[in-house]
Each structure stands twice: as structure tokens, then as C-alpha cells.
């Protein structure tokens, strides 16, 4: 929600003719979170989807390419797709087709990541599956299950004695804190 509101604010400044203010806002936000893919797209769209006298294809393309240069930018396929659209609209069809091929190749990935967090005395295990592109064919579901099993690590917790300091960091004995 915050990112969408930021985009709306900056796009409003741009449409009001305050291009420098929009540029400053996007640059500041993207310096804080360069992986914000839709930030790059929104910024570039200011120069693409505007009145014809203010349209600037080279600036649009420059912003999108800068976004694509970020190693782990989110929504990379969407950025590449926007760049392909911009190239296509300028009559560079072959370049657009190559960008779309690259985006499709990058989108056909499946990533499984796990994390364990501790909230007080409760351990929480989080599994995140990122499926790029148009989804995962049913024939690949068994491979996904295998991948998830391979990345699963058992949650282990060191046994704490009652008179030892509590692992939550309170400074009290375990038996009087989380062990109560």
C-alpha cells in the first residue's frame, strides 16, 4: 500500500509539471530500496504515459535499464516487459523480442527459501515459494515437493536448565521467565 501511494504521489507531481519533485521522490525512495521493481516502472511510466509534448523515450528507457541492473530487483520480468514495450513503440521490434525472451527465461524459476524466527519462547518456521512466470505446471509439483524436502532443516533448540539465564535476553533465570 505504501509503495502504491508513493507512486501516486510522485506521478501527481509529474503530471502537475513538477518533474524535479517527482524525480527527487523516486530517486530518494529507490536509494532506500533499490529492489522496488514497481518503483522503477512507475518512474519510467511518468515519461512514457504522459502527454505527447512531455514524453521522453530515452529517459524512460534509461530508468528501466537502471532498474534491471539491480542484481536482486523485485518484479524483474515486469521491468523487462515494460522496457520491451517501450522498444516496440519506438520501432525496435527485434530488441523488444529479445527482452521478452530474457524476461520469460528469468520468470521460469522456482525458489524455495526458509527462515526460522524466535518470538519469545515460540519458534516459527516460514517457508516461501516463489514461482515465476505463468505458474507451475502440475507435472512439476512433485519436483517442488522434493525441493522443499531438501531445503528443510529441523528446528533445534538448545536445552536450557532452570537456573540458567533465559535465552530471550531478559536477564532473568529461565525458570522464572519463559520456563514458567
C-alpha atoms as a PDB file:
ATOM      1  CA  UNK A   1       0.000   0.000   0.000  1.00  0.00           C
ATOM      2  CA  UNK A   2       2.783   2.404   0.890  1.00  0.00           C
ATOM      3  CA  UNK A   3       4.578   1.797  -2.398  1.00  0.00           C
ATOM      4  CA  UNK A   4       1.378   2.382  -4.391  1.00  0.00           C
ATOM      5  CA  UNK A   5       0.741   5.630  -2.536  1.00  0.00           C
ATOM      6  CA  UNK A   6       4.306   6.743  -3.174  1.00  0.00           C
ATOM      7  CA  UNK A   7       3.901   6.099  -6.882  1.00  0.00           C
ATOM      8  CA  UNK A   8       0.608   8.013  -6.954  1.00  0.00           C
ATOM      9  CA  UNK A   9       2.190  10.984  -5.166  1.00  0.00           C
ATOM     10  CA  UNK A  10       5.199  11.176  -7.475  1.00  0.00           C
ATOM     11  CA  UNK A  11       3.068  10.688 -10.610  1.00  0.00           C
ATOM     12  CA  UNK A  12       0.797  13.526  -9.446  1.00  0.00           C
ATOM     13  CA  UNK A  13       3.766  15.860  -9.102  1.00  0.00           C
ATOM     14  CA  UNK A  14       4.932  14.843 -12.568  1.00  0.00           C
ATOM     15  CA  UNK A  15       1.519  15.487 -14.133  1.00  0.00           C
ATOM     16  CA  UNK A  16       1.360  18.884 -12.424  1.00  0.00           C
ATOM     17  CA  UNK A  17       4.586  19.781 -14.211  1.00  0.00           C
ATOM     18  CA  UNK A  18       6.818  19.439 -11.148  1.00  0.00           C
ATOM     19  CA  UNK A  19       9.171  16.967 -12.804  1.00  0.00           C
ATOM     20  CA  UNK A  20      12.074  17.768 -10.478  1.00  0.00           C
ATOM     21  CA  UNK A  21       9.965  16.981  -7.403  1.00  0.00           C
ATOM     22  CA  UNK A  22       8.862  13.630  -8.913  1.00  0.00           C
ATOM     23  CA  UNK A  23      12.466  12.792  -9.826  1.00  0.00           C
ATOM     24  CA  UNK A  24      13.652  13.637  -6.300  1.00  0.00           C
ATOM     25  CA  UNK A  25      10.945  11.500  -4.689  1.00  0.00           C
ATOM     26  CA  UNK A  26      11.610   8.442  -6.863  1.00  0.00           C
ATOM     27  CA  UNK A  27      15.384   8.774  -6.508  1.00  0.00           C
ATOM     28  CA  UNK A  28      15.121   9.017  -2.715  1.00  0.00           C
ATOM     29  CA  UNK A  29      12.786   6.034  -2.398  1.00  0.00           C
ATOM     30  CA  UNK A  30      14.829   3.895  -4.756  1.00  0.00           C
ATOM     31  CA  UNK A  31      18.043   4.771  -2.913  1.00  0.00           C
ATOM     32  CA  UNK A  32      16.384   3.401   0.229  1.00  0.00           C
ATOM     33  CA  UNK A  33      15.046   0.287  -1.526  1.00  0.00           C
ATOM     34  CA  UNK A  34      16.685  -0.249  -4.928  1.00  0.00           C
ATOM     35  CA  UNK A  35      14.939  -3.654  -5.202  1.00  0.00           C
ATOM     36  CA  UNK A  36      11.497  -1.961  -5.529  1.00  0.00           C
ATOM     37  CA  UNK A  37      10.701  -3.069  -9.082  1.00  0.00           C
ATOM     38  CA  UNK A  38       7.420  -1.196  -9.433  1.00  0.00           C
ATOM     39  CA  UNK A  39       9.191   1.956  -8.275  1.00  0.00           C
ATOM     40  CA  UNK A  40      11.412   1.764 -11.352  1.00  0.00           C
ATOM     41  CA  UNK A  41       8.375   1.036 -13.515  1.00  0.00           C
ATOM     42  CA  UNK A  42       6.328   3.902 -12.054  1.00  0.00           C
ATOM     43  CA  UNK A  43       9.175   6.344 -12.514  1.00  0.00           C
ATOM     44  CA  UNK A  44       9.700   5.291 -16.125  1.00  0.00           C
ATOM     45  CA  UNK A  45       5.957   5.404 -16.809  1.00  0.00           C
ATOM     46  CA  UNK A  46       5.985   9.116 -15.996  1.00  0.00           C
ATOM     47  CA  UNK A  47       7.988   9.610 -19.175  1.00  0.00           C
ATOM     48  CA  UNK A  48       6.014   7.106 -21.210  1.00  0.00           C
ATOM     49  CA  UNK A  49       2.322   7.526 -20.363  1.00  0.00           C
ATOM     50  CA  UNK A  50       2.134  11.295 -20.418  1.00  0.00           C
ATOM     51  CA  UNK A  51       1.052  13.994 -22.779  1.00  0.00           C
ATOM     52  CA  UNK A  52       2.975  13.804 -26.043  1.00  0.00           C
ATOM     53  CA  UNK A  53       4.898  17.061 -25.539  1.00  0.00           C
ATOM     54  CA  UNK A  54       6.457  15.692 -22.317  1.00  0.00           C
ATOM     55  CA  UNK A  55       7.086  12.107 -23.464  1.00  0.00           C
ATOM     56  CA  UNK A  56      10.774  11.188 -23.250  1.00  0.00           C
ATOM     57  CA  UNK A  57      11.580   7.699 -24.532  1.00  0.00           C
ATOM     58  CA  UNK A  58      15.275   7.908 -23.757  1.00  0.00           C
ATOM     59  CA  UNK A  59      14.662   8.846 -20.089  1.00  0.00           C
ATOM     60  CA  UNK A  60      12.035   6.076 -19.787  1.00  0.00           C
ATOM     61  CA  UNK A  61      14.478   3.531 -21.179  1.00  0.00           C
ATOM     62  CA  UNK A  62      17.346   4.818 -19.025  1.00  0.00           C
ATOM     63  CA  UNK A  63      15.302   4.375 -15.827  1.00  0.00           C
ATOM     64  CA  UNK A  64      14.132   0.865 -16.764  1.00  0.00           C
ATOM     65  CA  UNK A  65      17.667  -0.243 -17.654  1.00  0.00           C
ATOM     66  CA  UNK A  66      18.931   1.142 -14.337  1.00  0.00           C
ATOM     67  CA  UNK A  67      16.249  -0.886 -12.553  1.00  0.00           C
ATOM     68  CA  UNK A  68      17.243  -4.035 -14.448  1.00  0.00           C
ATOM     69  CA  UNK A  69      20.870  -3.517 -13.447  1.00  0.00           C
ATOM     70  CA  UNK A  70      19.973  -4.080  -9.762  1.00  0.00           C
ATOM     71  CA  UNK A  71      21.002  -7.672  -9.020  1.00  0.00           C
ATOM     72  CA  UNK A  72      18.008  -8.804  -6.973  1.00  0.00           C
ATOM     73  CA  UNK A  73      15.346  -6.337  -8.065  1.00  0.00           C
ATOM     74  CA  UNK A  74      11.781  -7.498  -7.447  1.00  0.00           C
ATOM     75  CA  UNK A  75       9.461  -7.903 -10.443  1.00  0.00           C
ATOM     76  CA  UNK A  76      12.373  -8.089 -12.896  1.00  0.00           C
ATOM     77  CA  UNK A  77      10.156  -9.688 -15.553  1.00  0.00           C
ATOM     78  CA  UNK A  78       7.706  -6.765 -15.346  1.00  0.00           C
ATOM     79  CA  UNK A  79      10.529  -4.239 -15.744  1.00  0.00           C
ATOM     80  CA  UNK A  80      11.879  -6.135 -18.765  1.00  0.00           C
ATOM     81  CA  UNK A  81       8.378  -6.326 -20.217  1.00  0.00           C
ATOM     82  CA  UNK A  82       7.922  -2.554 -19.829  1.00  0.00           C
ATOM     83  CA  UNK A  83      11.283  -1.974 -21.486  1.00  0.00           C
ATOM     84  CA  UNK A  84      10.286  -4.296 -24.335  1.00  0.00           C
ATOM     85  CA  UNK A  85       7.038  -2.345 -24.772  1.00  0.00           C
ATOM     86  CA  UNK A  86       8.994   0.923 -24.929  1.00  0.00           C
ATOM     87  CA  UNK A  87      11.374  -0.511 -27.544  1.00  0.00           C
ATOM     88  CA  UNK A  88       8.446  -1.847 -29.557  1.00  0.00           C
ATOM     89  CA  UNK A  89       6.681   1.525 -29.530  1.00  0.00           C
ATOM     90  CA  UNK A  90       9.853   3.108 -30.901  1.00  0.00           C
ATOM     91  CA  UNK A  91      10.006   0.609 -33.778  1.00  0.00           C
ATOM     92  CA  UNK A  92      12.767  -1.614 -32.343  1.00  0.00           C
ATOM     93  CA  UNK A  93      10.907  -4.907 -32.600  1.00  0.00           C
ATOM     94  CA  UNK A  94      13.907  -7.251 -32.588  1.00  0.00           C
ATOM     95  CA  UNK A  95      15.284  -5.723 -29.399  1.00  0.00           C
ATOM     96  CA  UNK A  96      11.817  -5.954 -27.818  1.00  0.00           C
ATOM     97  CA  UNK A  97      11.544  -9.642 -28.765  1.00  0.00           C
ATOM     98  CA  UNK A  98      14.950 -10.381 -27.197  1.00  0.00           C
ATOM     99  CA  UNK A  99      13.975  -8.587 -23.983  1.00  0.00           C
ATOM    100  CA  UNK A 100      10.765 -10.628 -23.808  1.00  0.00           C
ATOM    101  CA  UNK A 101      12.737 -13.876 -24.293  1.00  0.00           C
ATOM    102  CA  UNK A 102      15.093 -12.917 -21.471  1.00  0.00           C
ATOM    103  CA  UNK A 103      12.176 -11.985 -19.213  1.00  0.00           C
ATOM    104  CA  UNK A 104      10.469 -15.303 -19.903  1.00  0.00           C
ATOM    105  CA  UNK A 105      13.670 -17.223 -19.217  1.00  0.00           C
ATOM    106  CA  UNK A 106      14.143 -15.367 -15.910  1.00  0.00           C
ATOM    107  CA  UNK A 107      10.482 -15.824 -14.944  1.00  0.00           C
ATOM    108  CA  UNK A 108      10.578 -19.621 -15.291  1.00  0.00           C
ATOM    109  CA  UNK A 109      12.334 -20.118 -11.976  1.00  0.00           C
ATOM    110  CA  UNK A 110      11.173 -21.647  -8.735  1.00  0.00           C
ATOM    111  CA  UNK A 111      12.853 -20.588  -5.500  1.00  0.00           C
ATOM    112  CA  UNK A 112      12.245 -22.116  -2.080  1.00  0.00           C
ATOM    113  CA  UNK A 113      13.532 -20.272   0.957  1.00  0.00           C
ATOM    114  CA  UNK A 114      13.136 -21.000   4.639  1.00  0.00           C
ATOM    115  CA  UNK A 115      13.679 -18.929   7.712  1.00  0.00           C
ATOM    116  CA  UNK A 116      13.318 -19.530  11.414  1.00  0.00           C
ATOM    117  CA  UNK A 117      12.467 -16.734  13.805  1.00  0.00           C
ATOM    118  CA  UNK A 118      12.058 -16.688  17.531  1.00  0.00           C
ATOM    119  CA  UNK A 119       9.354 -14.680  19.249  1.00  0.00           C
ATOM    120  CA  UNK A 120       9.797 -15.143  22.969  1.00  0.00           C
ATOM    121  CA  UNK A 121       9.690 -18.874  23.588  1.00  0.00           C
ATOM    122  CA  UNK A 122       7.936 -19.684  20.310  1.00  0.00           C
ATOM    123  CA  UNK A 123       9.927 -20.739  17.260  1.00  0.00           C
ATOM    124  CA  UNK A 124       8.330 -20.033  13.921  1.00  0.00           C
ATOM    125  CA  UNK A 125       9.402 -21.601  10.666  1.00  0.00           C
ATOM    126  CA  UNK A 126       8.464 -19.781   7.481  1.00  0.00           C
ATOM    127  CA  UNK A 127       8.614 -21.313   4.022  1.00  0.00           C
ATOM    128  CA  UNK A 128       8.367 -19.087   0.979  1.00  0.00           C
ATOM    129  CA  UNK A 129       7.967 -20.454  -2.526  1.00  0.00           C
ATOM    130  CA  UNK A 130       8.487 -18.027  -5.418  1.00  0.00           C
ATOM    131  CA  UNK A 131       7.109 -19.333  -8.683  1.00  0.00           C
ATOM    132  CA  UNK A 132       7.949 -17.083 -11.591  1.00  0.00           C
ATOM    133  CA  UNK A 133       6.141 -16.639 -14.855  1.00  0.00           C
ATOM    134  CA  UNK A 134       2.710 -18.043 -15.586  1.00  0.00           C
ATOM    135  CA  UNK A 135       2.851 -20.529 -12.720  1.00  0.00           C
ATOM    136  CA  UNK A 136       3.937 -24.075 -12.213  1.00  0.00           C
ATOM    137  CA  UNK A 137       2.632 -26.935 -14.361  1.00  0.00           C
ATOM    138  CA  UNK A 138       1.067 -29.780 -12.383  1.00  0.00           C
ATOM    139  CA  UNK A 139       3.699 -32.154 -13.747  1.00  0.00           C
ATOM    140  CA  UNK A 140       6.330 -30.165 -11.798  1.00  0.00           C
ATOM    141  CA  UNK A 141       4.573 -30.319  -8.414  1.00  0.00           C
ATOM    142  CA  UNK A 142       6.465 -33.454  -7.365  1.00  0.00           C
ATOM    143  CA  UNK A 143       9.765 -31.689  -8.129  1.00  0.00           C
ATOM    144  CA  UNK A 144       8.665 -28.770  -5.955  1.00  0.00           C
ATOM    145  CA  UNK A 145       7.867 -31.121  -3.075  1.00  0.00           C
ATOM    146  CA  UNK A 146      11.306 -32.727  -3.442  1.00  0.00           C
ATOM    147  CA  UNK A 147      12.977 -29.322  -3.468  1.00  0.00           C
ATOM    148  CA  UNK A 148      11.130 -28.305  -0.311  1.00  0.00           C
ATOM    149  CA  UNK A 149      12.127 -31.522   1.480  1.00  0.00           C
ATOM    150  CA  UNK A 150      15.768 -30.978   0.540  1.00  0.00           C
ATOM    151  CA  UNK A 151      15.794 -27.462   1.989  1.00  0.00           C
ATOM    152  CA  UNK A 152      14.004 -28.435   5.193  1.00  0.00           C
ATOM    153  CA  UNK A 153      16.193 -28.301   8.248  1.00  0.00           C
ATOM    154  CA  UNK A 154      14.844 -29.459  11.583  1.00  0.00           C
ATOM    155  CA  UNK A 155      14.290 -26.762  14.164  1.00  0.00           C
ATOM    156  CA  UNK A 156      16.621 -27.397  17.052  1.00  0.00           C
ATOM    157  CA  UNK A 157      16.805 -25.567  20.310  1.00  0.00           C
ATOM    158  CA  UNK A 158      19.466 -25.981  22.924  1.00  0.00           C
ATOM    159  CA  UNK A 159      18.138 -27.374  26.192  1.00  0.00           C
ATOM    160  CA  UNK A 160      18.142 -24.695  28.874  1.00  0.00           C
ATOM    161  CA  UNK A 161      18.424 -25.524  32.562  1.00  0.00           C
ATOM    162  CA  UNK A 162      16.037 -23.876  35.024  1.00  0.00           C
ATOM    163  CA  UNK A 163      18.746 -21.857  36.793  1.00  0.00           C
ATOM    164  CA  UNK A 164      20.460 -20.692  33.598  1.00  0.00           C
ATOM    165  CA  UNK A 165      19.842 -17.238  32.101  1.00  0.00           C
ATOM    166  CA  UNK A 166      16.766 -17.144  29.862  1.00  0.00           C
ATOM    167  CA  UNK A 167      17.636 -17.260  26.127  1.00  0.00           C
ATOM    168  CA  UNK A 168      15.124 -14.479  25.411  1.00  0.00           C
ATOM    169  CA  UNK A 169      17.648 -11.997  26.814  1.00  0.00           C
ATOM    170  CA  UNK A 170      15.585 -10.724  29.757  1.00  0.00           C
ATOM    171  CA  UNK A 171      18.413 -11.367  32.210  1.00  0.00           C
ATOM    172  CA  UNK A 172      16.196 -13.438  34.483  1.00  0.00           C
ATOM    173  CA  UNK A 173      16.541 -17.151  35.182  1.00  0.00           C
ATOM    174  CA  UNK A 174      14.813 -19.407  32.667  1.00  0.00           C
ATOM    175  CA  UNK A 175      12.524 -20.977  35.318  1.00  0.00           C
ATOM    176  CA  UNK A 176      11.219 -17.511  36.333  1.00  0.00           C
ATOM    177  CA  UNK A 177      10.839 -16.239  32.749  1.00  0.00           C
ATOM    178  CA  UNK A 178       9.975 -18.297  29.648  1.00  0.00           C
ATOM    179  CA  UNK A 179      10.135 -21.570  31.565  1.00  0.00           C
ATOM    180  CA  UNK A 180       7.367 -20.535  33.967  1.00  0.00           C
END
